[in-house]
PDB file of N, CA and C in Angstrom:
ATOM      1  N   MET A   1      -9.769 332.124   5.347  1.00  0.00           N
ATOM      2  CA  MET A   1      -9.752 331.109   4.733  1.00  0.00           C
ATOM      3  C   MET A   1     -10.495 330.629   3.365  1.00  0.00           C
ATOM      4  N   THR A   2     -11.524 331.545   3.413  1.00  0.00           N
ATOM      5  CA  THR A   2     -12.639 331.055   2.587  1.00  0.00           C
ATOM      6  C   THR A   2     -12.152 331.995   0.734  1.00  0.00           C
ATOM      7  N   GLY A   3     -11.451 332.834   1.563  1.00  0.00           N
ATOM      8  CA  GLY A   3     -10.568 333.721   0.439  1.00  0.00           C
ATOM      9  C   GLY A   3      -9.638 333.139  -0.720  1.00  0.00           C
ATOM     10  N   MET A   4      -9.242 331.971   0.425  1.00  0.00           N
ATOM     11  CA  MET A   4      -8.000 331.197  -0.356  1.00  0.00           C
ATOM     12  C   MET A   4      -8.998 330.036  -1.494  1.00  0.00           C
ATOM     13  N   LYS A   5     -10.082 329.846  -1.132  1.00  0.00           N
ATOM     14  CA  LYS A   5     -10.889 328.837  -1.924  1.00  0.00           C
ATOM     15  C   LYS A   5     -11.085 329.753  -3.360  1.00  0.00           C
ATOM     16  N   ILE A   6     -11.485 331.106  -3.161  1.00  0.00           N
ATOM     17  CA  ILE A   6     -11.957 331.836  -4.344  1.00  0.00           C
ATOM     18  C   ILE A   6     -10.647 332.159  -5.069  1.00  0.00           C
ATOM     19  N   LYS A   7      -9.503 332.228  -5.104  1.00  0.00           N
ATOM     20  CA  LYS A   7      -8.342 332.808  -5.502  1.00  0.00           C
ATOM     21  C   LYS A   7      -8.021 331.583  -6.222  1.00  0.00           C
ATOM     22  N   ARG A   8      -8.422 329.992  -5.994  1.00  0.00           N
ATOM     23  CA  ARG A   8      -7.285 328.796  -6.526  1.00  0.00           C
ATOM     24  C   ARG A   8      -8.425 328.677  -8.405  1.00  0.00           C
ATOM     25  N   PHE A   9      -9.258 329.384  -8.389  1.00  0.00           N
ATOM     26  CA  PHE A   9     -10.126 329.664  -9.329  1.00  0.00           C
ATOM     27  C   PHE A   9      -9.733 330.877 -10.302  1.00  0.00           C
ATOM     28  N   GLN A  10      -9.393 330.715 -11.625  1.00  0.00           N
ATOM     29  CA  GLN A  10      -8.703 331.666 -12.332  1.00  0.00           C
ATOM     30  C   GLN A  10      -9.791 331.787 -13.276  1.00  0.00           C
ATOM     31  N   PRO A  11      -9.776 333.186 -14.041  1.00  0.00           N
ATOM     32  CA  PRO A  11     -10.998 332.948 -15.221  1.00  0.00           C
ATOM     33  C   PRO A  11     -10.022 332.471 -16.658  1.00  0.00           C
ATOM     34  N   GLY A  12     -11.560 331.531 -17.058  1.00  0.00           N
ATOM     35  CA  GLY A  12     -11.274 330.768 -18.097  1.00  0.00           C
ATOM     36  C   GLY A  12     -10.970 329.069 -17.244  1.00  0.00           C
ATOM     37  N   GLN A  13     -11.164 329.181 -15.962  1.00  0.00           N
ATOM     38  CA  GLN A  13     -11.283 327.538 -16.064  1.00  0.00           C
ATOM     39  C   GLN A  13     -12.607 327.178 -15.622  1.00  0.00           C
ATOM     40  N   VAL A  14     -12.698 325.697 -16.189  1.00  0.00           N
ATOM     41  CA  VAL A  14     -14.167 325.505 -16.532  1.00  0.00           C
ATOM     42  C   VAL A  14     -14.621 324.506 -15.493  1.00  0.00           C
ATOM     43  N   VAL A  15     -16.110 324.481 -14.693  1.00  0.00           N
ATOM     44  CA  VAL A  15     -16.069 323.920 -13.608  1.00  0.00           C
ATOM     45  C   VAL A  15     -17.456 323.375 -13.679  1.00  0.00           C
ATOM     46  N   ILE A  16     -18.115 322.847 -12.742  1.00  0.00           N
ATOM     47  CA  ILE A  16     -19.118 321.468 -13.363  1.00  0.00           C
ATOM     48  C   ILE A  16     -19.800 322.046 -11.729  1.00  0.00           C
ATOM     49  N   SER A  17     -20.890 322.477 -11.823  1.00  0.00           N
ATOM     50  CA  SER A  17     -21.787 322.627 -10.609  1.00  0.00           C
ATOM     51  C   SER A  17     -21.972 321.289  -9.744  1.00  0.00           C
ATOM     52  N   ARG A  18     -21.905 321.306  -8.521  1.00  0.00           N
ATOM     53  CA  ARG A  18     -22.032 320.304  -7.665  1.00  0.00           C
ATOM     54  C   ARG A  18     -23.400 320.253  -6.468  1.00  0.00           C
ATOM     55  N   LYS A  19     -23.614 321.332  -5.862  1.00  0.00           N
ATOM     56  CA  LYS A  19     -24.607 321.958  -5.692  1.00  0.00           C
ATOM     57  C   LYS A  19     -25.615 322.932  -5.776  1.00  0.00           C
ATOM     58  N   GLY A  20     -27.083 322.537  -5.383  1.00  0.00           N
ATOM     59  CA  GLY A  20     -27.975 323.539  -5.993  1.00  0.00           C
ATOM     60  C   GLY A  20     -29.222 322.973  -7.028  1.00  0.00           C
ATOM     61  N   LYS A  21     -29.938 324.183  -7.780  1.00  0.00           N
ATOM     62  CA  LYS A  21     -30.526 323.587  -8.701  1.00  0.00           C
ATOM     63  C   LYS A  21     -29.983 323.523 -10.162  1.00  0.00           C
ATOM     64  N   ASP A  22     -28.355 323.801 -10.036  1.00  0.00           N
ATOM     65  CA  ASP A  22     -28.207 323.585 -11.437  1.00  0.00           C
ATOM     66  C   ASP A  22     -27.024 322.563 -11.583  1.00  0.00           C
ATOM     67  N   VAL A  23     -27.009 321.593 -10.834  1.00  0.00           N
ATOM     68  CA  VAL A  23     -26.024 320.599 -10.070  1.00  0.00           C
ATOM     69  C   VAL A  23     -25.691 319.788 -11.828  1.00  0.00           C
ATOM     70  N   GLY A  24     -24.956 319.526 -11.986  1.00  0.00           N
ATOM     71  CA  GLY A  24     -24.130 318.573 -13.230  1.00  0.00           C
ATOM     72  C   GLY A  24     -24.119 319.681 -14.360  1.00  0.00           C
ATOM     73  N   ASN A  25     -24.639 321.305 -14.415  1.00  0.00           N
ATOM     74  CA  ASN A  25     -23.972 322.085 -15.099  1.00  0.00           C
ATOM     75  C   ASN A  25     -22.728 322.479 -15.431  1.00  0.00           C
ATOM     76  N   TRP A  26     -22.201 322.399 -16.608  1.00  0.00           N
ATOM     77  CA  TRP A  26     -21.355 322.982 -16.998  1.00  0.00           C
ATOM     78  C   TRP A  26     -21.316 325.152 -17.004  1.00  0.00           C
ATOM     79  N   TYR A  27     -19.685 325.338 -16.548  1.00  0.00           N
ATOM     80  CA  TYR A  27     -19.992 326.383 -16.223  1.00  0.00           C
ATOM     81  C   TYR A  27     -18.412 326.925 -16.775  1.00  0.00           C
ATOM     82  N   VAL A  28     -17.829 328.368 -17.052  1.00  0.00           N
ATOM     83  CA  VAL A  28     -16.593 328.977 -17.004  1.00  0.00           C
ATOM     84  C   VAL A  28     -16.342 329.947 -16.211  1.00  0.00           C
ATOM     85  N   VAL A  29     -15.294 329.943 -15.482  1.00  0.00           N
ATOM     86  CA  VAL A  29     -15.153 331.321 -14.413  1.00  0.00           C
ATOM     87  C   VAL A  29     -14.973 332.293 -14.808  1.00  0.00           C
ATOM     88  N   ILE A  30     -15.287 333.616 -14.812  1.00  0.00           N
ATOM     89  CA  ILE A  30     -14.802 334.580 -15.477  1.00  0.00           C
ATOM     90  C   ILE A  30     -14.693 335.619 -14.420  1.00  0.00           C
ATOM     91  N   GLY A  31     -14.804 335.643 -12.815  1.00  0.00           N
ATOM     92  CA  GLY A  31     -14.088 336.511 -12.018  1.00  0.00           C
ATOM     93  C   GLY A  31     -14.641 336.050 -10.887  1.00  0.00           C
ATOM     94  N   TRP A  32     -14.307 336.915  -9.292  1.00  0.00           N
ATOM     95  CA  TRP A  32     -14.721 336.358  -8.688  1.00  0.00           C
ATOM     96  C   TRP A  32     -15.355 337.812  -7.816  1.00  0.00           C
ATOM     97  N   ASN A  33     -15.940 337.463  -6.518  1.00  0.00           N
ATOM     98  CA  ASN A  33     -16.250 338.810  -5.936  1.00  0.00           C
ATOM     99  C   ASN A  33     -15.767 338.597  -5.085  1.00  0.00           C
ATOM    100  N   ASP A  34     -14.940 339.160  -3.968  1.00  0.00           N
ATOM    101  CA  ASP A  34     -14.422 339.031  -2.787  1.00  0.00           C
ATOM    102  C   ASP A  34     -14.719 339.332  -1.434  1.00  0.00           C
ATOM    103  N   LYS A  35     -16.081 340.442  -1.928  1.00  0.00           N
ATOM    104  CA  LYS A  35     -16.682 340.946  -0.370  1.00  0.00           C
ATOM    105  C   LYS A  35     -18.121 339.584  -0.400  1.00  0.00           C
ATOM    106  N   GLU A  36     -18.613 338.999  -0.917  1.00  0.00           N
ATOM    107  CA  GLU A  36     -19.323 337.987  -0.848  1.00  0.00           C
ATOM    108  C   GLU A  36     -18.979 337.024  -0.958  1.00  0.00           C
ATOM    109  N   GLN A  37     -17.196 336.798  -1.012  1.00  0.00           N
ATOM    110  CA  GLN A  37     -16.751 335.303  -1.302  1.00  0.00           C
ATOM    111  C   GLN A  37     -17.395 334.532  -2.477  1.00  0.00           C
ATOM    112  N   ARG A  38     -17.481 334.810  -3.768  1.00  0.00           N
ATOM    113  CA  ARG A  38     -18.427 333.587  -4.546  1.00  0.00           C
ATOM    114  C   ARG A  38     -17.528 333.779  -5.892  1.00  0.00           C
ATOM    115  N   VAL A  39     -17.432 332.943  -6.603  1.00  0.00           N
ATOM    116  CA  VAL A  39     -17.007 332.807  -8.036  1.00  0.00           C
ATOM    117  C   VAL A  39     -17.992 333.122  -8.902  1.00  0.00           C
ATOM    118  N   LEU A  40     -17.646 333.729  -9.694  1.00  0.00           N
ATOM    119  CA  LEU A  40     -18.436 334.555 -10.701  1.00  0.00           C
ATOM    120  C   LEU A  40     -18.358 333.923 -12.013  1.00  0.00           C
ATOM    121  N   ILE A  41     -19.510 333.195 -12.744  1.00  0.00           N
ATOM    122  CA  ILE A  41     -19.354 331.974 -13.857  1.00  0.00           C
ATOM    123  C   ILE A  41     -20.514 332.173 -14.675  1.00  0.00           C
ATOM    124  N   CYS A  42     -20.279 331.815 -16.007  1.00  0.00           N
ATOM    125  CA  CYS A  42     -21.802 331.776 -16.973  1.00  0.00           C
ATOM    126  C   CYS A  42     -21.374 330.568 -17.608  1.00  0.00           C
ATOM    127  N   ASN A  43     -22.244 330.283 -18.321  1.00  0.00           N
ATOM    128  CA  ASN A  43     -22.497 329.264 -19.206  1.00  0.00           C
ATOM    129  C   ASN A  43     -22.857 329.633 -20.543  1.00  0.00           C
ATOM    130  N   GLY A  44     -23.369 330.802 -20.759  1.00  0.00           N
ATOM    131  CA  GLY A  44     -23.773 331.402 -22.049  1.00  0.00           C
ATOM    132  C   GLY A  44     -25.459 331.054 -22.353  1.00  0.00           C
ATOM    133  N   ARG A  45     -25.765 330.343 -21.538  1.00  0.00           N
ATOM    134  CA  ARG A  45     -27.618 329.735 -22.091  1.00  0.00           C
ATOM    135  C   ARG A  45     -28.443 330.357 -20.649  1.00  0.00           C
ATOM    136  N   ASN A  46     -28.122 330.037 -19.475  1.00  0.00           N
ATOM    137  CA  ASN A  46     -28.777 330.882 -18.316  1.00  0.00           C
ATOM    138  C   ASN A  46     -28.324 331.797 -17.922  1.00  0.00           C
ATOM    139  N   CYS A  47     -26.863 331.755 -17.927  1.00  0.00           N
ATOM    140  CA  CYS A  47     -26.315 333.440 -17.088  1.00  0.00           C
ATOM    141  C   CYS A  47     -25.500 333.750 -18.354  1.00  0.00           C
ATOM    142  N   ASN A  48     -25.536 334.987 -18.641  1.00  0.00           N
ATOM    143  CA  ASN A  48     -24.080 335.076 -19.617  1.00  0.00           C
ATOM    144  C   ASN A  48     -23.162 336.199 -19.114  1.00  0.00           C
ATOM    145  N   PRO A  49     -21.974 336.399 -19.844  1.00  0.00           N
ATOM    146  CA  PRO A  49     -21.159 337.081 -19.076  1.00  0.00           C
ATOM    147  C   PRO A  49     -20.996 338.282 -18.624  1.00  0.00           C
ATOM    148  N   GLY A  50     -22.349 338.817 -19.292  1.00  0.00           N
ATOM    149  CA  GLY A  50     -22.900 340.568 -18.449  1.00  0.00           C
ATOM    150  C   GLY A  50     -23.417 340.285 -17.119  1.00  0.00           C
ATOM    151  N   VAL A  51     -23.949 339.242 -17.356  1.00  0.00           N
ATOM    152  CA  VAL A  51     -24.526 338.992 -15.861  1.00  0.00           C
ATOM    153  C   VAL A  51     -24.297 337.963 -15.539  1.00  0.00           C
ATOM    154  N   PRO A  52     -23.080 337.715 -14.608  1.00  0.00           N
ATOM    155  CA  PRO A  52     -22.803 335.997 -14.341  1.00  0.00           C
ATOM    156  C   PRO A  52     -23.147 335.570 -12.863  1.00  0.00           C
ATOM    157  N   LYS A  53     -23.631 334.650 -13.028  1.00  0.00           N
ATOM    158  CA  LYS A  53     -23.652 333.843 -11.847  1.00  0.00           C
ATOM    159  C   LYS A  53     -22.841 333.737 -10.719  1.00  0.00           C
ATOM    160  N   LYS A  54     -23.378 334.255  -9.443  1.00  0.00           N
ATOM    161  CA  LYS A  54     -22.719 334.000  -8.369  1.00  0.00           C
ATOM    162  C   LYS A  54     -23.076 332.536  -7.558  1.00  0.00           C
ATOM    163  N   LYS A  55     -21.623 331.824  -7.540  1.00  0.00           N
ATOM    164  CA  LYS A  55     -21.667 330.351  -6.767  1.00  0.00           C
ATOM    165  C   LYS A  55     -20.875 330.316  -5.565  1.00  0.00           C
ATOM    166  N   ASN A  56     -20.988 329.687  -4.707  1.00  0.00           N
ATOM    167  CA  ASN A  56     -20.159 329.386  -3.873  1.00  0.00           C
ATOM    168  C   ASN A  56     -19.118 328.466  -4.113  1.00  0.00           C
ATOM    169  N   PRO A  57     -17.844 328.729  -4.008  1.00  0.00           N
ATOM    170  CA  PRO A  57     -16.828 327.865  -4.302  1.00  0.00           C
ATOM    171  C   PRO A  57     -16.698 326.546  -4.131  1.00  0.00           C
ATOM    172  N   VAL A  58     -17.256 326.566  -2.887  1.00  0.00           N
ATOM    173  CA  VAL A  58     -17.031 324.843  -2.319  1.00  0.00           C
ATOM    174  C   VAL A  58     -18.278 324.112  -3.407  1.00  0.00           C
ATOM    175  N   HIS A  59     -18.919 324.620  -3.870  1.00  0.00           N
ATOM    176  CA  HIS A  59     -20.335 323.830  -4.862  1.00  0.00           C
ATOM    177  C   HIS A  59     -19.462 323.714  -6.347  1.00  0.00           C
ATOM    178  N   LEU A  60     -18.237 324.096  -6.541  1.00  0.00           N
ATOM    179  CA  LEU A  60     -18.017 324.179  -7.571  1.00  0.00           C
ATOM    180  C   LEU A  60     -16.811 322.947  -7.820  1.00  0.00           C
ATOM    181  N   GLN A  61     -16.748 322.089  -8.826  1.00  0.00           N
ATOM    182  CA  GLN A  61     -15.605 321.031  -8.975  1.00  0.00           C
ATOM    183  C   GLN A  61     -15.038 321.679 -10.341  1.00  0.00           C
ATOM    184  N   ARG A  62     -13.873 321.535 -10.181  1.00  0.00           N
ATOM    185  CA  ARG A  62     -12.659 322.222 -11.371  1.00  0.00           C
ATOM    186  C   ARG A  62     -12.261 320.835 -12.086  1.00  0.00           C
ATOM    187  N   VAL A  63     -12.725 321.498 -13.755  1.00  0.00           N
ATOM    188  CA  VAL A  63     -12.232 320.457 -14.504  1.00  0.00           C
ATOM    189  C   VAL A  63     -11.085 320.690 -15.051  1.00  0.00           C
ATOM    190  N   SER A  64     -10.392 320.027 -15.564  1.00  0.00           N
ATOM    191  CA  SER A  64      -8.330 320.308 -15.891  1.00  0.00           C
ATOM    192  C   SER A  64      -8.675 320.876 -17.230  1.00  0.00           C
ATOM    193  N   ARG A  65      -9.753 322.254 -17.427  1.00  0.00           N
ATOM    194  CA  ARG A  65      -9.674 322.886 -19.043  1.00  0.00           C
ATOM    195  C   ARG A  65      -9.651 324.196 -18.225  1.00  0.00           C
ATOM    196  N   ILE A  66      -8.919 325.015 -19.462  1.00  0.00           N
ATOM    197  CA  ILE A  66      -9.161 326.451 -19.390  1.00  0.00           C
ATOM    198  C   ILE A  66      -9.196 326.930 -20.553  1.00  0.00           C
ATOM    199  N   LEU A  67     -10.938 327.746 -20.732  1.00  0.00           N
ATOM    200  CA  LEU A  67     -10.548 328.254 -21.744  1.00  0.00           C
ATOM    201  C   LEU A  67     -10.005 329.604 -22.113  1.00  0.00           C
ATOM    202  N   TYR A  68      -8.770 329.804 -22.527  1.00  0.00           N
ATOM    203  CA  TYR A  68      -8.156 331.037 -22.932  1.00  0.00           C
ATOM    204  C   TYR A  68      -8.391 331.945 -23.324  1.00  0.00           C
ATOM    205  N   GLU A  69      -9.382 332.252 -24.414  1.00  0.00           N
ATOM    206  CA  GLU A  69     -10.414 332.886 -24.628  1.00  0.00           C
ATOM    207  C   GLU A  69     -10.623 333.916 -23.939  1.00  0.00           C
ATOM    208  N   VAL A  70     -11.241 333.629 -22.543  1.00  0.00           N
ATOM    209  CA  VAL A  70     -11.792 334.022 -21.331  1.00  0.00           C
ATOM    210  C   VAL A  70     -10.835 335.117 -21.142  1.00  0.00           C
ATOM    211  N   PRO A  71      -9.835 334.951 -20.586  1.00  0.00           N
ATOM    212  CA  PRO A  71      -8.780 335.445 -19.699  1.00  0.00           C
ATOM    213  C   PRO A  71      -8.183 336.823 -21.119  1.00  0.00           C
ATOM    214  N   GLU A  72      -8.095 336.193 -21.708  1.00  0.00           N
ATOM    215  CA  GLU A  72      -7.602 336.895 -23.020  1.00  0.00           C
ATOM    216  C   GLU A  72      -8.516 338.434 -23.404  1.00  0.00           C
ATOM    217  N   SER A  73      -9.852 337.910 -23.668  1.00  0.00           N
ATOM    218  CA  SER A  73     -11.004 338.970 -23.921  1.00  0.00           C
ATOM    219  C   SER A  73     -11.088 339.986 -22.563  1.00  0.00           C
ATOM    220  N   LEU A  74     -10.759 338.858 -21.395  1.00  0.00           N
ATOM    221  CA  LEU A  74     -11.237 340.182 -20.176  1.00  0.00           C
ATOM    222  C   LEU A  74      -9.983 341.140 -20.144  1.00  0.00           C
ATOM    223  N   LEU A  75      -8.796 341.238 -20.468  1.00  0.00           N
ATOM    224  CA  LEU A  75      -7.744 341.486 -20.745  1.00  0.00           C
ATOM    225  C   LEU A  75      -8.026 342.768 -21.601  1.00  0.00           C
ATOM    226  N   ALA A  76      -8.569 342.577 -22.075  1.00  0.00           N
ATOM    227  CA  ALA A  76      -8.862 343.630 -23.666  1.00  0.00           C
ATOM    228  C   ALA A  76     -10.043 344.278 -23.414  1.00  0.00           C
ATOM    229  N   GLY A  77     -10.482 344.124 -22.530  1.00  0.00           N
ATOM    230  CA  GLY A  77     -12.013 344.688 -21.574  1.00  0.00           C
ATOM    231  C   GLY A  77     -12.761 344.723 -22.577  1.00  0.00           C
ATOM    232  N   ARG A  78     -13.037 343.117 -23.508  1.00  0.00           N
ATOM    233  CA  ARG A  78     -14.345 343.078 -23.423  1.00  0.00           C
ATOM    234  C   ARG A  78     -14.365 341.621 -23.088  1.00  0.00           C
ATOM    235  N   LEU A  79     -16.128 341.293 -23.399  1.00  0.00           N
ATOM    236  CA  LEU A  79     -16.640 340.003 -23.276  1.00  0.00           C
ATOM    237  C   LEU A  79     -16.785 339.315 -24.272  1.00  0.00           C
ATOM    238  N   LEU A  80     -16.609 337.907 -24.179  1.00  0.00           N
ATOM    239  CA  LEU A  80     -17.121 337.071 -25.142  1.00  0.00           C
ATOM    240  C   LEU A  80     -18.536 336.879 -24.948  1.00  0.00           C
ATOM    241  N   ASN A  81     -19.314 336.292 -26.338  1.00  0.00           N
ATOM    242  CA  ASN A  81     -20.952 336.567 -26.273  1.00  0.00           C
ATOM    243  C   ASN A  81     -21.130 335.311 -25.972  1.00  0.00           C
ATOM    244  N   GLY A  82     -22.276 335.204 -25.424  1.00  0.00           N
ATOM    245  CA  GLY A  82     -22.961 333.787 -24.926  1.00  0.00           C
ATOM    246  C   GLY A  82     -22.938 332.567 -25.787  1.00  0.00           C
ATOM    247  N   GLU A  83     -22.992 332.931 -27.278  1.00  0.00           N
ATOM    248  CA  GLU A  83     -23.666 331.500 -28.360  1.00  0.00           C
ATOM    249  C   GLU A  83     -21.563 330.931 -28.241  1.00  0.00           C
ATOM    250  N   ARG A  84     -20.720 331.966 -27.792  1.00  0.00           N
ATOM    251  CA  ARG A  84     -19.221 331.537 -27.749  1.00  0.00           C
ATOM    252  C   ARG A  84     -19.097 330.737 -26.972  1.00  0.00           C
ATOM    253  N   ILE A  85     -19.435 331.394 -25.786  1.00  0.00           N
ATOM    254  CA  ILE A  85     -19.061 330.392 -24.615  1.00  0.00           C
ATOM    255  C   ILE A  85     -19.689 328.813 -24.465  1.00  0.00           C
ATOM    256  N   ARG A  86     -21.014 329.154 -24.409  1.00  0.00           N
ATOM    257  CA  ARG A  86     -21.817 327.892 -25.029  1.00  0.00           C
ATOM    258  C   ARG A  86     -21.272 326.784 -26.112  1.00  0.00           C
ATOM    259  N   ARG A  87     -20.734 326.753 -27.109  1.00  0.00           N
ATOM    260  CA  ARG A  87     -19.814 326.286 -27.947  1.00  0.00           C
ATOM    261  C   ARG A  87     -18.507 325.949 -27.260  1.00  0.00           C
ATOM    262  N   LEU A  88     -17.687 326.729 -26.821  1.00  0.00           N
ATOM    263  CA  LEU A  88     -16.487 326.277 -26.076  1.00  0.00           C
ATOM    264  C   LEU A  88     -17.043 324.980 -24.889  1.00  0.00           C
ATOM    265  N   LEU A  89     -17.618 325.414 -24.160  1.00  0.00           N
ATOM    266  CA  LEU A  89     -18.488 324.579 -23.010  1.00  0.00           C
ATOM    267  C   LEU A  89     -18.596 323.561 -23.335  1.00  0.00           C
ATOM    268  N   LEU A  90     -19.906 323.149 -24.749  1.00  0.00           N
ATOM    269  CA  LEU A  90     -19.932 321.917 -25.400  1.00  0.00           C
ATOM    270  C   LEU A  90     -18.925 321.188 -26.395  1.00  0.00           C
ATOM    271  N   GLU A  91     -17.899 322.012 -26.479  1.00  0.00           N
ATOM    272  CA  GLU A  91     -16.882 321.245 -27.203  1.00  0.00           C
ATOM    273  C   GLU A  91     -15.613 320.853 -26.065  1.00  0.00           C
ATOM    274  N   ILE A  92     -15.724 321.315 -24.589  1.00  0.00           N
ATOM    275  CA  ILE A  92     -15.050 320.595 -23.710  1.00  0.00           C
ATOM    276  C   ILE A  92     -15.580 319.493 -23.155  1.00  0.00           C
ATOM    277  N   GLN A  93     -16.960 319.673 -22.976  1.00  0.00           N
ATOM    278  CA  GLN A  93     -18.042 318.391 -22.529  1.00  0.00           C
ATOM    279  C   GLN A  93     -17.846 317.229 -23.507  1.00  0.00           C
ATOM    280  N   THR A  94     -17.708 317.486 -24.720  1.00  0.00           N
ATOM    281  CA  THR A  94     -17.705 316.298 -25.473  1.00  0.00           C
ATOM    282  C   THR A  94     -16.434 315.339 -25.500  1.00  0.00           C
ATOM    283  N   LYS A  95     -15.323 316.212 -25.322  1.00  0.00           N
ATOM    284  CA  LYS A  95     -14.046 315.389 -24.903  1.00  0.00           C
ATOM    285  C   LYS A  95     -13.666 315.156 -23.889  1.00  0.00           C
ATOM    286  N   LYS A  96     -14.357 315.579 -22.583  1.00  0.00           N
ATOM    287  CA  LYS A  96     -14.410 314.955 -21.426  1.00  0.00           C
ATOM    288  C   LYS A  96     -14.999 313.558 -21.427  1.00  0.00           C
ATOM    289  N   TYR A  97     -16.060 313.309 -21.965  1.00  0.00           N
ATOM    290  CA  TYR A  97     -16.706 312.096 -22.386  1.00  0.00           C
ATOM    291  C   TYR A  97     -16.081 311.027 -23.182  1.00  0.00           C
ATOM    292  N   GLN A  98     -15.339 311.571 -23.606  1.00  0.00           N
ATOM    293  CA  GLN A  98     -14.191 310.661 -24.781  1.00  0.00           C
ATOM    294  C   GLN A  98     -12.875 310.342 -23.833  1.00  0.00           C
ATOM    295  N   ASN A  99     -12.002 311.246 -23.168  1.00  0.00           N
ATOM    296  CA  ASN A  99     -11.059 311.380 -22.513  1.00  0.00           C
ATOM    297  C   ASN A  99     -11.094 311.175 -20.956  1.00  0.00           C
ATOM    298  N   LYS A 100     -12.572 311.283 -20.228  1.00  0.00           N
ATOM    299  CA  LYS A 100     -12.272 311.435 -18.450  1.00  0.00           C
ATOM    300  C   LYS A 100     -11.734 312.100 -17.884  1.00  0.00           C
ATOM    301  N   GLU A 101     -11.496 313.304 -18.210  1.00  0.00           N
ATOM    302  CA  GLU A 101     -10.700 314.149 -17.702  1.00  0.00           C
ATOM    303  C   GLU A 101     -11.259 315.290 -16.626  1.00  0.00           C
ATOM    304  N   VAL A 102     -12.115 314.850 -15.915  1.00  0.00           N
ATOM    305  CA  VAL A 102     -12.768 315.701 -14.603  1.00  0.00           C
ATOM    306  C   VAL A 102     -11.801 315.461 -13.168  1.00  0.00           C
ATOM    307  N   ASP A 103     -11.496 316.091 -12.648  1.00  0.00           N
ATOM    308  CA  ASP A 103     -10.603 316.131 -11.696  1.00  0.00           C
ATOM    309  C   ASP A 103     -11.181 315.255 -10.513  1.00  0.00           C
TER     310      ASP A 103
END
């Protein structure tokens, strides 16, 4: 059943941490680890796309936004740099507080 929770996240999905020392931090999903049942996330600040953070999917809240540059770059075989991800997340956060778009 846990595998189902991981699969509901997709690359580029914006999420907010709801448990742990990073509560309230915004991240973007860049993949998942089926073996460990963890979602791979990054924010370009503390964890970059090259070394993503592993997070339990139960501890993440999905936001109704997807950064389409992330899956496109993964399909092309390259990763976005941390600065670009940081800017995209900041832009999403700004819009969220204006429009209240959190699930």
